[in-house]
Amino acid sequence: MPGHGQKPAPQKAVNPEARLQASVARDLKLRGLEEHARHQSIAVEVARWENTLNQKDERANRKRREEQILEDSKVARINNTSQRRQRLEELYQMDELRYEAELNAKGLAFRRERL
């Protein structure tokens, strides 16, 4: 009952479908958020998978590089040994020829035995 001199408060117009529309709007918004969350979850899984794959690739590449370094070192060692051996043989041959020339200059004989 309104007080003396007061007008009754206007009643809101009741839309019978307003609650239904509000409920549908909430459901649509919730569905959109759930869909977004699902897409985010998939994106996180893909990122995790790619990260794991990259780590495996990096480990494989590192192992391959280490093996290549070992192989290169082995080949270089063999080549260096071969070159040193060849230079020593050349040095010995030059020394032998010099010694033979000195003996010939002195008129001495030099007997060579080849193996």
PDB file of N, CA and C in Angstrom:
ATOM      1  N   MET A   1       0.808  -1.158   0.000  1.00  0.00           N
ATOM      2  CA  MET A   1       0.000   0.000   0.000  1.00  0.00           C
ATOM      3  C   MET A   1       0.859   1.232   0.000  1.00  0.00           C
ATOM      4  N   PRO A   2       0.692   2.056  -1.003  1.00  0.00           N
ATOM      5  CA  PRO A   2       1.512   3.248  -1.064  1.00  0.00           C
ATOM      6  C   PRO A   2       1.090   4.218   0.035  1.00  0.00           C
ATOM      7  N   GLY A   3       2.119   4.939   0.460  1.00  0.00           N
ATOM      8  CA  GLY A   3       1.849   5.924   1.492  1.00  0.00           C
ATOM      9  C   GLY A   3       1.032   7.075   0.950  1.00  0.00           C
ATOM     10  N   HIS A   4       0.627   7.959   1.874  1.00  0.00           N
ATOM     11  CA  HIS A   4      -0.209   9.075   1.490  1.00  0.00           C
ATOM     12  C   HIS A   4       0.550  10.024   0.581  1.00  0.00           C
ATOM     13  N   GLY A   5       0.071  10.308  -0.542  1.00  0.00           N
ATOM     14  CA  GLY A   5       0.656  11.228  -1.490  1.00  0.00           C
ATOM     15  C   GLY A   5       1.709  10.596  -2.388  1.00  0.00           C
ATOM     16  N   GLN A   6       1.932   9.343  -2.304  1.00  0.00           N
ATOM     17  CA  GLN A   6       2.917   8.685  -3.164  1.00  0.00           C
ATOM     18  C   GLN A   6       2.222   7.937  -4.261  1.00  0.00           C
ATOM     19  N   LYS A   7       2.886   7.944  -5.385  1.00  0.00           N
ATOM     20  CA  LYS A   7       2.356   7.200  -6.506  1.00  0.00           C
ATOM     21  C   LYS A   7       2.869   5.784  -6.427  1.00  0.00           C
ATOM     22  N   PRO A   8       2.083   4.858  -6.863  1.00  0.00           N
ATOM     23  CA  PRO A   8       2.589   3.482  -6.856  1.00  0.00           C
ATOM     24  C   PRO A   8       3.771   3.363  -7.820  1.00  0.00           C
ATOM     25  N   ALA A   9       4.765   2.570  -7.408  1.00  0.00           N
ATOM     26  CA  ALA A   9       5.969   2.350  -8.239  1.00  0.00           C
ATOM     27  C   ALA A   9       5.566   1.638  -9.502  1.00  0.00           C
ATOM     28  N   PRO A  10       6.088   2.103 -10.621  1.00  0.00           N
ATOM     29  CA  PRO A  10       5.728   1.428 -11.866  1.00  0.00           C
ATOM     30  C   PRO A  10       6.318   0.037 -11.886  1.00  0.00           C
ATOM     31  N   GLN A  11       5.546  -0.885 -12.278  1.00  0.00           N
ATOM     32  CA  GLN A  11       6.023  -2.261 -12.357  1.00  0.00           C
ATOM     33  C   GLN A  11       6.777  -2.462 -13.651  1.00  0.00           C
ATOM     34  N   LYS A  12       7.830  -3.307 -13.530  1.00  0.00           N
ATOM     35  CA  LYS A  12       8.593  -3.625 -14.711  1.00  0.00           C
ATOM     36  C   LYS A  12       7.736  -4.428 -15.640  1.00  0.00           C
ATOM     37  N   ALA A  13       7.948  -4.177 -16.890  1.00  0.00           N
ATOM     38  CA  ALA A  13       7.229  -4.989 -17.862  1.00  0.00           C
ATOM     39  C   ALA A  13       7.874  -6.363 -17.855  1.00  0.00           C
ATOM     40  N   VAL A  14       7.114  -7.343 -17.621  1.00  0.00           N
ATOM     41  CA  VAL A  14       7.630  -8.702 -17.542  1.00  0.00           C
ATOM     42  C   VAL A  14       7.588  -9.327 -18.926  1.00  0.00           C
ATOM     43  N   ASN A  15       8.806  -9.665 -19.390  1.00  0.00           N
ATOM     44  CA  ASN A  15       8.914 -10.363 -20.669  1.00  0.00           C
ATOM     45  C   ASN A  15       9.036 -11.835 -20.327  1.00  0.00           C
ATOM     46  N   PRO A  16       8.069 -12.621 -20.678  1.00  0.00           N
ATOM     47  CA  PRO A  16       8.107 -14.025 -20.275  1.00  0.00           C
ATOM     48  C   PRO A  16       9.305 -14.774 -20.835  1.00  0.00           C
ATOM     49  N   GLU A  17       9.866 -14.313 -21.916  1.00  0.00           N
ATOM     50  CA  GLU A  17      10.999 -15.026 -22.511  1.00  0.00           C
ATOM     51  C   GLU A  17      12.327 -14.429 -22.075  1.00  0.00           C
ATOM     52  N   ALA A  18      12.328 -13.395 -21.230  1.00  0.00           N
ATOM     53  CA  ALA A  18      13.563 -12.723 -20.828  1.00  0.00           C
ATOM     54  C   ALA A  18      14.494 -13.684 -20.095  1.00  0.00           C
ATOM     55  N   ARG A  19      13.919 -14.449 -19.173  1.00  0.00           N
ATOM     56  CA  ARG A  19      14.764 -15.409 -18.447  1.00  0.00           C
ATOM     57  C   ARG A  19      15.332 -16.451 -19.395  1.00  0.00           C
ATOM     58  N   LEU A  20      14.533 -16.936 -20.300  1.00  0.00           N
ATOM     59  CA  LEU A  20      14.982 -17.934 -21.269  1.00  0.00           C
ATOM     60  C   LEU A  20      16.083 -17.350 -22.157  1.00  0.00           C
ATOM     61  N   GLN A  21      15.892 -16.119 -22.606  1.00  0.00           N
ATOM     62  CA  GLN A  21      16.892 -15.478 -23.446  1.00  0.00           C
ATOM     63  C   GLN A  21      18.200 -15.268 -22.676  1.00  0.00           C
ATOM     64  N   ALA A  22      18.089 -14.857 -21.415  1.00  0.00           N
ATOM     65  CA  ALA A  22      19.279 -14.663 -20.589  1.00  0.00           C
ATOM     66  C   ALA A  22      20.000 -15.997 -20.376  1.00  0.00           C
ATOM     67  N   SER A  23      19.238 -17.054 -20.148  1.00  0.00           N
ATOM     68  CA  SER A  23      19.812 -18.384 -19.946  1.00  0.00           C
ATOM     69  C   SER A  23      20.512 -18.858 -21.217  1.00  0.00           C
ATOM     70  N   VAL A  24      19.880 -18.654 -22.355  1.00  0.00           N
ATOM     71  CA  VAL A  24      20.488 -19.044 -23.642  1.00  0.00           C
ATOM     72  C   VAL A  24      21.752 -18.240 -23.876  1.00  0.00           C
ATOM     73  N   ALA A  25      21.739 -16.950 -23.568  1.00  0.00           N
ATOM     74  CA  ALA A  25      22.916 -16.096 -23.750  1.00  0.00           C
ATOM     75  C   ALA A  25      24.070 -16.582 -22.874  1.00  0.00           C
ATOM     76  N   ARG A  26      23.745 -16.936 -21.609  1.00  0.00           N
ATOM     77  CA  ARG A  26      24.781 -17.467 -20.717  1.00  0.00           C
ATOM     78  C   ARG A  26      25.334 -18.777 -21.248  1.00  0.00           C
ATOM     79  N   ASP A  27      24.435 -19.655 -21.721  1.00  0.00           N
ATOM     80  CA  ASP A  27      24.871 -20.941 -22.274  1.00  0.00           C
ATOM     81  C   ASP A  27      25.772 -20.751 -23.496  1.00  0.00           C
ATOM     82  N   LEU A  28      25.402 -19.807 -24.356  1.00  0.00           N
ATOM     83  CA  LEU A  28      26.227 -19.537 -25.540  1.00  0.00           C
ATOM     84  C   LEU A  28      27.600 -18.994 -25.146  1.00  0.00           C
ATOM     85  N   LYS A  29      27.613 -18.097 -24.169  1.00  0.00           N
ATOM     86  CA  LYS A  29      28.882 -17.539 -23.707  1.00  0.00           C
ATOM     87  C   LYS A  29      29.733 -18.629 -23.067  1.00  0.00           C
ATOM     88  N   LEU A  30      29.115 -19.482 -22.257  1.00  0.00           N
ATOM     89  CA  LEU A  30      29.829 -20.581 -21.612  1.00  0.00           C
ATOM     90  C   LEU A  30      30.380 -21.550 -22.653  1.00  0.00           C
ATOM     91  N   ARG A  31      29.570 -21.854 -23.670  1.00  0.00           N
ATOM     92  CA  ARG A  31      30.017 -22.748 -24.732  1.00  0.00           C
ATOM     93  C   ARG A  31      31.233 -22.146 -25.457  1.00  0.00           C
ATOM     94  N   GLY A  32      31.179 -20.844 -25.716  1.00  0.00           N
ATOM     95  CA  GLY A  32      32.310 -20.155 -26.368  1.00  0.00           C
ATOM     96  C   GLY A  32      33.565 -20.228 -25.517  1.00  0.00           C
ATOM     97  N   LEU A  33      33.403 -20.005 -24.200  1.00  0.00           N
ATOM     98  CA  LEU A  33      34.560 -20.080 -23.304  1.00  0.00           C
ATOM     99  C   LEU A  33      35.120 -21.491 -23.226  1.00  0.00           C
ATOM    100  N   GLU A  34      34.231 -22.487 -23.171  1.00  0.00           N
ATOM    101  CA  GLU A  34      34.689 -23.884 -23.134  1.00  0.00           C
ATOM    102  C   GLU A  34      35.418 -24.251 -24.426  1.00  0.00           C
ATOM    103  N   GLU A  35      34.902 -23.778 -25.550  1.00  0.00           N
ATOM    104  CA  GLU A  35      35.532 -24.037 -26.845  1.00  0.00           C
ATOM    105  C   GLU A  35      36.920 -23.390 -26.894  1.00  0.00           C
ATOM    106  N   HIS A  36      36.996 -22.177 -26.388  1.00  0.00           N
ATOM    107  CA  HIS A  36      38.287 -21.485 -26.342  1.00  0.00           C
ATOM    108  C   HIS A  36      39.271 -22.244 -25.454  1.00  0.00           C
ATOM    109  N   ALA A  37      38.796 -22.697 -24.304  1.00  0.00           N
ATOM    110  CA  ALA A  37      39.647 -23.460 -23.386  1.00  0.00           C
ATOM    111  C   ALA A  37      40.124 -24.758 -24.050  1.00  0.00           C
ATOM    112  N   ARG A  38      39.246 -25.396 -24.801  1.00  0.00           N
ATOM    113  CA  ARG A  38      39.622 -26.633 -25.491  1.00  0.00           C
ATOM    114  C   ARG A  38      40.706 -26.353 -26.540  1.00  0.00           C
ATOM    115  N   HIS A  39      40.532 -25.277 -27.299  1.00  0.00           N
ATOM    116  CA  HIS A  39      41.533 -24.912 -28.307  1.00  0.00           C
ATOM    117  C   HIS A  39      42.869 -24.567 -27.643  1.00  0.00           C
ATOM    118  N   GLN A  40      42.812 -23.878 -26.537  1.00  0.00           N
ATOM    119  CA  GLN A  40      44.037 -23.545 -25.805  1.00  0.00           C
ATOM    120  C   GLN A  40      44.739 -24.813 -25.330  1.00  0.00           C
ATOM    121  N   SER A  41      43.971 -25.757 -24.834  1.00  0.00           N
ATOM    122  CA  SER A  41      44.531 -27.017 -24.361  1.00  0.00           C
ATOM    123  C   SER A  41      45.215 -27.767 -25.504  1.00  0.00           C
ATOM    124  N   ILE A  42      44.576 -27.779 -26.657  1.00  0.00           N
ATOM    125  CA  ILE A  42      45.170 -28.435 -27.822  1.00  0.00           C
ATOM    126  C   ILE A  42      46.453 -27.722 -28.221  1.00  0.00           C
ATOM    127  N   ALA A  43      46.439 -26.391 -28.204  1.00  0.00           N
ATOM    128  CA  ALA A  43      47.629 -25.617 -28.564  1.00  0.00           C
ATOM    129  C   ALA A  43      48.773 -25.901 -27.600  1.00  0.00           C
ATOM    130  N   VAL A  44      48.465 -26.026 -26.314  1.00  0.00           N
ATOM    131  CA  VAL A  44      49.495 -26.340 -25.322  1.00  0.00           C
ATOM    132  C   VAL A  44      50.076 -27.725 -25.587  1.00  0.00           C
ATOM    133  N   GLU A  45      49.240 -28.697 -25.905  1.00  0.00           N
ATOM    134  CA  GLU A  45      49.724 -30.048 -26.199  1.00  0.00           C
ATOM    135  C   GLU A  45      50.611 -30.061 -27.438  1.00  0.00           C
ATOM    136  N   VAL A  46      50.205 -29.327 -28.471  1.00  0.00           N
ATOM    137  CA  VAL A  46      51.019 -29.261 -29.695  1.00  0.00           C
ATOM    138  C   VAL A  46      52.362 -28.605 -29.391  1.00  0.00           C
ATOM    139  N   ALA A  47      52.348 -27.531 -28.612  1.00  0.00           N
ATOM    140  CA  ALA A  47      53.592 -26.846 -28.256  1.00  0.00           C
ATOM    141  C   ALA A  47      54.498 -27.777 -27.452  1.00  0.00           C
ATOM    142  N   ARG A  48      53.923 -28.521 -26.526  1.00  0.00           N
ATOM    143  CA  ARG A  48      54.701 -29.471 -25.722  1.00  0.00           C
ATOM    144  C   ARG A  48      55.310 -30.544 -26.625  1.00  0.00           C
ATOM    145  N   TRP A  49      54.515 -31.046 -27.570  1.00  0.00           N
ATOM    146  CA  TRP A  49      54.998 -32.070 -28.505  1.00  0.00           C
ATOM    147  C   TRP A  49      56.151 -31.527 -29.352  1.00  0.00           C
ATOM    148  N   GLU A  50      55.986 -30.301 -29.882  1.00  0.00           N
ATOM    149  CA  GLU A  50      57.048 -29.705 -30.694  1.00  0.00           C
ATOM    150  C   GLU A  50      58.307 -29.479 -29.878  1.00  0.00           C
ATOM    151  N   ASN A  51      58.136 -29.051 -28.657  1.00  0.00           N
ATOM    152  CA  ASN A  51      59.286 -28.822 -27.785  1.00  0.00           C
ATOM    153  C   ASN A  51      60.034 -30.132 -27.545  1.00  0.00           C
ATOM    154  N   THR A  52      59.305 -31.184 -27.255  1.00  0.00           N
ATOM    155  CA  THR A  52      59.923 -32.492 -27.040  1.00  0.00           C
ATOM    156  C   THR A  52      60.623 -32.962 -28.303  1.00  0.00           C
ATOM    157  N   LEU A  53      59.975 -32.779 -29.444  1.00  0.00           N
ATOM    158  CA  LEU A  53      60.571 -33.178 -30.720  1.00  0.00           C
ATOM    159  C   LEU A  53      61.850 -32.387 -30.985  1.00  0.00           C
ATOM    160  N   ASN A  54      61.823 -31.079 -30.716  1.00  0.00           N
ATOM    161  CA  ASN A  54      63.016 -30.254 -30.906  1.00  0.00           C
ATOM    162  C   ASN A  54      64.152 -30.694 -29.994  1.00  0.00           C
ATOM    163  N   GLN A  55      63.819 -31.054 -28.763  1.00  0.00           N
ATOM    164  CA  GLN A  55      64.847 -31.517 -27.834  1.00  0.00           C
ATOM    165  C   GLN A  55      65.470 -32.814 -28.341  1.00  0.00           C
ATOM    166  N   LYS A  56      64.639 -33.725 -28.844  1.00  0.00           N
ATOM    167  CA  LYS A  56      65.162 -34.977 -29.387  1.00  0.00           C
ATOM    168  C   LYS A  56      66.044 -34.711 -30.600  1.00  0.00           C
ATOM    169  N   ASP A  57      65.597 -33.795 -31.464  1.00  0.00           N
ATOM    170  CA  ASP A  57      66.396 -33.445 -32.642  1.00  0.00           C
ATOM    171  C   ASP A  57      67.734 -32.843 -32.232  1.00  0.00           C
ATOM    172  N   GLU A  58      67.713 -31.973 -31.238  1.00  0.00           N
ATOM    173  CA  GLU A  58      68.951 -31.349 -30.761  1.00  0.00           C
ATOM    174  C   GLU A  58      69.912 -32.387 -30.200  1.00  0.00           C
ATOM    175  N   ARG A  59      69.380 -33.323 -29.419  1.00  0.00           N
ATOM    176  CA  ARG A  59      70.243 -34.382 -28.869  1.00  0.00           C
ATOM    177  C   ARG A  59      70.844 -35.214 -29.992  1.00  0.00           C
ATOM    178  N   ALA A  60      70.029 -35.563 -30.988  1.00  0.00           N
ATOM    179  CA  ALA A  60      70.521 -36.359 -32.115  1.00  0.00           C
ATOM    180  C   ALA A  60      71.573 -35.577 -32.896  1.00  0.00           C
ATOM    181  N   ASN A  61      71.333 -34.296 -33.124  1.00  0.00           N
ATOM    182  CA  ASN A  61      72.311 -33.475 -33.846  1.00  0.00           C
ATOM    183  C   ASN A  61      73.610 -33.340 -33.067  1.00  0.00           C
ATOM    184  N   ARG A  62      73.508 -33.149 -31.758  1.00  0.00           N
ATOM    185  CA  ARG A  62      74.704 -33.037 -30.922  1.00  0.00           C
ATOM    186  C   ARG A  62      75.501 -34.337 -30.966  1.00  0.00           C
ATOM    187  N   LYS A  63      74.811 -35.454 -30.859  1.00  0.00           N
ATOM    188  CA  LYS A  63      75.489 -36.747 -30.910  1.00  0.00           C
ATOM    189  C   LYS A  63      76.161 -36.942 -32.269  1.00  0.00           C
ATOM    190  N   ARG A  64      75.454 -36.572 -33.342  1.00  0.00           N
ATOM    191  CA  ARG A  64      76.008 -36.694 -34.691  1.00  0.00           C
ATOM    192  C   ARG A  64      77.251 -35.820 -34.841  1.00  0.00           C
ATOM    193  N   ARG A  65      77.197 -34.581 -34.315  1.00  0.00           N
ATOM    194  CA  ARG A  65      78.365 -33.693 -34.393  1.00  0.00           C
ATOM    195  C   ARG A  65      79.536 -34.258 -33.609  1.00  0.00           C
ATOM    196  N   GLU A  66      79.269 -34.787 -32.412  1.00  0.00           N
ATOM    197  CA  GLU A  66      80.344 -35.362 -31.601  1.00  0.00           C
ATOM    198  C   GLU A  66      80.980 -36.550 -32.309  1.00  0.00           C
ATOM    199  N   GLU A  67      80.148 -37.416 -32.911  1.00  0.00           N
ATOM    200  CA  GLU A  67      80.682 -38.556 -33.650  1.00  0.00           C
ATOM    201  C   GLU A  67      81.497 -38.089 -34.850  1.00  0.00           C
ATOM    202  N   GLN A  68      81.022 -37.035 -35.526  1.00  0.00           N
ATOM    203  CA  GLN A  68      81.756 -36.506 -36.684  1.00  0.00           C
ATOM    204  C   GLN A  68      83.090 -35.922 -36.247  1.00  0.00           C
ATOM    205  N   ILE A  69      83.100 -35.232 -35.106  1.00  0.00           N
ATOM    206  CA  ILE A  69      84.352 -34.668 -34.586  1.00  0.00           C
ATOM    207  C   ILE A  69      85.335 -35.788 -34.277  1.00  0.00           C
ATOM    208  N   LEU A  70      84.849 -36.858 -33.649  1.00  0.00           N
ATOM    209  CA  LEU A  70      85.732 -37.989 -33.352  1.00  0.00           C
ATOM    210  C   LEU A  70      86.290 -38.606 -34.631  1.00  0.00           C
ATOM    211  N   GLU A  71      85.427 -38.786 -35.622  1.00  0.00           N
ATOM    212  CA  GLU A  71      85.866 -39.361 -36.893  1.00  0.00           C
ATOM    213  C   GLU A  71      86.872 -38.439 -37.582  1.00  0.00           C
ATOM    214  N   ASP A  72      86.589 -37.132 -37.588  1.00  0.00           N
ATOM    215  CA  ASP A  72      87.510 -36.179 -38.205  1.00  0.00           C
ATOM    216  C   ASP A  72      88.860 -36.180 -37.486  1.00  0.00           C
ATOM    217  N   SER A  73      88.822 -36.261 -36.166  1.00  0.00           N
ATOM    218  CA  SER A  73      90.064 -36.296 -35.391  1.00  0.00           C
ATOM    219  C   SER A  73      90.867 -37.544 -35.724  1.00  0.00           C
ATOM    220  N   LYS A  74      90.179 -38.657 -35.847  1.00  0.00           N
ATOM    221  CA  LYS A  74      90.857 -39.911 -36.174  1.00  0.00           C
ATOM    222  C   LYS A  74      91.514 -39.824 -37.552  1.00  0.00           C
ATOM    223  N   VAL A  75      90.789 -39.303 -38.533  1.00  0.00           N
ATOM    224  CA  VAL A  75      91.336 -39.162 -39.888  1.00  0.00           C
ATOM    225  C   VAL A  75      92.517 -38.195 -39.883  1.00  0.00           C
ATOM    226  N   ALA A  76      92.386 -37.083 -39.150  1.00  0.00           N
ATOM    227  CA  ALA A  76      93.476 -36.104 -39.076  1.00  0.00           C
ATOM    228  C   ALA A  76      94.714 -36.722 -38.422  1.00  0.00           C
ATOM    229  N   ARG A  77      94.510 -37.511 -37.378  1.00  0.00           N
ATOM    230  CA  ARG A  77      95.623 -38.174 -36.696  1.00  0.00           C
ATOM    231  C   ARG A  77      96.335 -39.126 -37.650  1.00  0.00           C
ATOM    232  N   ILE A  78      95.551 -39.896 -38.411  1.00  0.00           N
ATOM    233  CA  ILE A  78      96.140 -40.840 -39.371  1.00  0.00           C
ATOM    234  C   ILE A  78      96.917 -40.081 -40.446  1.00  0.00           C
ATOM    235  N   ASN A  79      96.327 -39.000 -40.948  1.00  0.00           N
ATOM    236  CA  ASN A  79      97.002 -38.197 -41.972  1.00  0.00           C
ATOM    237  C   ASN A  79      98.291 -37.579 -41.439  1.00  0.00           C
ATOM    238  N   ASN A  80      98.238 -37.046 -40.230  1.00  0.00           N
ATOM    239  CA  ASN A  80      99.440 -36.446 -39.636  1.00  0.00           C
ATOM    240  C   ASN A  80     100.533 -37.481 -39.453  1.00  0.00           C
ATOM    241  N   THR A  81     100.175 -38.648 -38.978  1.00  0.00           N
ATOM    242  CA  THR A  81     101.158 -39.720 -38.795  1.00  0.00           C
ATOM    243  C   THR A  81     101.765 -40.106 -40.133  1.00  0.00           C
ATOM    244  N   SER A  82     100.930 -40.236 -41.146  1.00  0.00           N
ATOM    245  CA  SER A  82     101.405 -40.591 -42.478  1.00  0.00           C
ATOM    246  C   SER A  82     102.343 -39.519 -43.022  1.00  0.00           C
ATOM    247  N   GLN A  83     101.967 -38.263 -42.860  1.00  0.00           N
ATOM    248  CA  GLN A  83     102.815 -37.169 -43.352  1.00  0.00           C
ATOM    249  C   GLN A  83     104.145 -37.106 -42.601  1.00  0.00           C
ATOM    250  N   ARG A  84     104.109 -37.300 -41.289  1.00  0.00           N
ATOM    251  CA  ARG A  84     105.360 -37.302 -40.519  1.00  0.00           C
ATOM    252  C   ARG A  84     106.260 -38.444 -40.948  1.00  0.00           C
ATOM    253  N   ARG A  85     105.665 -39.609 -41.162  1.00  0.00           N
ATOM    254  CA  ARG A  85     106.440 -40.769 -41.600  1.00  0.00           C
ATOM    255  C   ARG A  85     107.081 -40.485 -42.965  1.00  0.00           C
ATOM    256  N   GLN A  86     106.313 -39.898 -43.872  1.00  0.00           N
ATOM    257  CA  GLN A  86     106.819 -39.584 -45.206  1.00  0.00           C
ATOM    258  C   GLN A  86     107.951 -38.556 -45.127  1.00  0.00           C
ATOM    259  N   ARG A  87     107.782 -37.532 -44.301  1.00  0.00           N
ATOM    260  CA  ARG A  87     108.843 -36.526 -44.164  1.00  0.00           C
ATOM    261  C   ARG A  87     110.107 -37.118 -43.550  1.00  0.00           C
ATOM    262  N   LEU A  88     109.929 -38.014 -42.579  1.00  0.00           N
ATOM    263  CA  LEU A  88     111.100 -38.675 -41.991  1.00  0.00           C
ATOM    264  C   LEU A  88     111.826 -39.520 -43.033  1.00  0.00           C
ATOM    265  N   GLU A  89     111.077 -40.264 -43.827  1.00  0.00           N
ATOM    266  CA  GLU A  89     111.691 -41.072 -44.875  1.00  0.00           C
ATOM    267  C   GLU A  89     112.451 -40.185 -45.863  1.00  0.00           C
ATOM    268  N   GLU A  90     111.852 -39.052 -46.240  1.00  0.00           N
ATOM    269  CA  GLU A  90     112.529 -38.121 -47.142  1.00  0.00           C
ATOM    270  C   GLU A  90     113.793 -37.564 -46.503  1.00  0.00           C
ATOM    271  N   LEU A  91     113.713 -37.238 -45.218  1.00  0.00           N
ATOM    272  CA  LEU A  91     114.877 -36.724 -44.499  1.00  0.00           C
ATOM    273  C   LEU A  91     115.999 -37.762 -44.472  1.00  0.00           C
ATOM    274  N   TYR A  92     115.639 -39.014 -44.159  1.00  0.00           N
ATOM    275  CA  TYR A  92     116.654 -40.072 -44.130  1.00  0.00           C
ATOM    276  C   TYR A  92     117.268 -40.281 -45.505  1.00  0.00           C
ATOM    277  N   GLN A  93     116.446 -40.223 -46.550  1.00  0.00           N
ATOM    278  CA  GLN A  93     116.975 -40.389 -47.911  1.00  0.00           C
ATOM    279  C   GLN A  93     117.923 -39.246 -48.259  1.00  0.00           C
ATOM    280  N   MET A  94     117.536 -38.013 -47.906  1.00  0.00           N
ATOM    281  CA  MET A  94     118.409 -36.867 -48.176  1.00  0.00           C
ATOM    282  C   MET A  94     119.713 -36.976 -47.398  1.00  0.00           C
ATOM    283  N   ASP A  95     119.645 -37.399 -46.130  1.00  0.00           N
ATOM    284  CA  ASP A  95     120.858 -37.585 -45.324  1.00  0.00           C
ATOM    285  C   ASP A  95     121.753 -38.657 -45.946  1.00  0.00           C
ATOM    286  N   GLU A  96     121.135 -39.723 -46.404  1.00  0.00           N
ATOM    287  CA  GLU A  96     121.890 -40.817 -47.013  1.00  0.00           C
ATOM    288  C   GLU A  96     122.590 -40.336 -48.288  1.00  0.00           C
ATOM    289  N   LEU A  97     121.847 -39.560 -49.107  1.00  0.00           N
ATOM    290  CA  LEU A  97     122.453 -39.035 -50.338  1.00  0.00           C
ATOM    291  C   LEU A  97     123.580 -38.043 -50.024  1.00  0.00           C
ATOM    292  N   ARG A  98     123.398 -37.214 -49.010  1.00  0.00           N
ATOM    293  CA  ARG A  98     124.446 -36.273 -48.602  1.00  0.00           C
ATOM    294  C   ARG A  98     125.681 -37.021 -48.098  1.00  0.00           C
ATOM    295  N   TYR A  99     125.438 -38.061 -47.310  1.00  0.00           N
ATOM    296  CA  TYR A  99     126.546 -38.851 -46.777  1.00  0.00           C
ATOM    297  C   TYR A  99     127.298 -39.531 -47.920  1.00  0.00           C
ATOM    298  N   GLU A 100     126.550 -40.070 -48.884  1.00  0.00           N
ATOM    299  CA  GLU A 100     127.169 -40.715 -50.044  1.00  0.00           C
ATOM    300  C   GLU A 100     127.997 -39.693 -50.838  1.00  0.00           C
ATOM    301  N   ALA A 101     127.456 -38.482 -51.006  1.00  0.00           N
ATOM    302  CA  ALA A 101     128.180 -37.443 -51.741  1.00  0.00           C
ATOM    303  C   ALA A 101     129.454 -37.056 -51.001  1.00  0.00           C
ATOM    304  N   GLU A 102     129.409 -36.966 -49.663  1.00  0.00           N
ATOM    305  CA  GLU A 102     130.612 -36.639 -48.882  1.00  0.00           C
ATOM    306  C   GLU A 102     131.660 -37.725 -49.030  1.00  0.00           C
ATOM    307  N   LEU A 103     131.207 -38.987 -48.967  1.00  0.00           N
ATOM    308  CA  LEU A 103     132.156 -40.087 -49.117  1.00  0.00           C
ATOM    309  C   LEU A 103     132.761 -40.097 -50.519  1.00  0.00           C
ATOM    310  N   ASN A 104     131.938 -39.842 -51.537  1.00  0.00           N
ATOM    311  CA  ASN A 104     132.442 -39.790 -52.908  1.00  0.00           C
ATOM    312  C   ASN A 104     133.443 -38.648 -53.067  1.00  0.00           C
ATOM    313  N   ALA A 105     133.179 -37.532 -52.391  1.00  0.00           N
ATOM    314  CA  ALA A 105     134.097 -36.398 -52.472  1.00  0.00           C
ATOM    315  C   ALA A 105     135.448 -36.754 -51.852  1.00  0.00           C
ATOM    316  N   LYS A 106     135.442 -37.603 -50.868  1.00  0.00           N
ATOM    317  CA  LYS A 106     136.673 -38.025 -50.207  1.00  0.00           C
ATOM    318  C   LYS A 106     137.297 -39.221 -50.919  1.00  0.00           C
ATOM    319  N   GLY A 107     136.606 -39.751 -51.906  1.00  0.00           N
ATOM    320  CA  GLY A 107     137.120 -40.885 -52.661  1.00  0.00           C
ATOM    321  C   GLY A 107     136.858 -42.208 -51.965  1.00  0.00           C
ATOM    322  N   LEU A 108     135.936 -42.241 -51.087  1.00  0.00           N
ATOM    323  CA  LEU A 108     135.616 -43.481 -50.378  1.00  0.00           C
ATOM    324  C   LEU A 108     134.397 -44.125 -51.030  1.00  0.00           C
ATOM    325  N   ALA A 109     134.321 -45.444 -50.871  1.00  0.00           N
ATOM    326  CA  ALA A 109     133.211 -46.177 -51.475  1.00  0.00           C
ATOM    327  C   ALA A 109     132.034 -46.213 -50.496  1.00  0.00           C
ATOM    328  N   PHE A 110     130.881 -46.282 -51.047  1.00  0.00           N
ATOM    329  CA  PHE A 110     129.660 -46.370 -50.229  1.00  0.00           C
ATOM    330  C   PHE A 110     128.839 -47.506 -50.783  1.00  0.00           C
ATOM    331  N   ARG A 111     128.596 -48.451 -49.948  1.00  0.00           N
ATOM    332  CA  ARG A 111     127.846 -49.631 -50.395  1.00  0.00           C
ATOM    333  C   ARG A 111     126.409 -49.489 -49.934  1.00  0.00           C
ATOM    334  N   ARG A 112     125.518 -49.570 -50.877  1.00  0.00           N
ATOM    335  CA  ARG A 112     124.083 -49.437 -50.573  1.00  0.00           C
ATOM    336  C   ARG A 112     123.424 -50.786 -50.558  1.00  0.00           C
ATOM    337  N   GLU A 113     122.608 -50.963 -49.551  1.00  0.00           N
ATOM    338  CA  GLU A 113     121.762 -52.155 -49.513  1.00  0.00           C
ATOM    339  C   GLU A 113     120.337 -51.669 -49.447  1.00  0.00           C
ATOM    340  N   ARG A 114     119.621 -52.044 -50.437  1.00  0.00           N
ATOM    341  CA  ARG A 114     118.215 -51.610 -50.489  1.00  0.00           C
ATOM    342  C   ARG A 114     117.339 -52.734 -49.977  1.00  0.00           C
ATOM    343  N   LEU A 115     116.416 -52.360 -49.195  1.00  0.00           N
ATOM    344  CA  LEU A 115     115.462 -53.349 -48.691  1.00  0.00           C
ATOM    345  C   LEU A 115     114.138 -53.195 -49.372  1.00  0.00           C
TER     346      LEU A 115
END
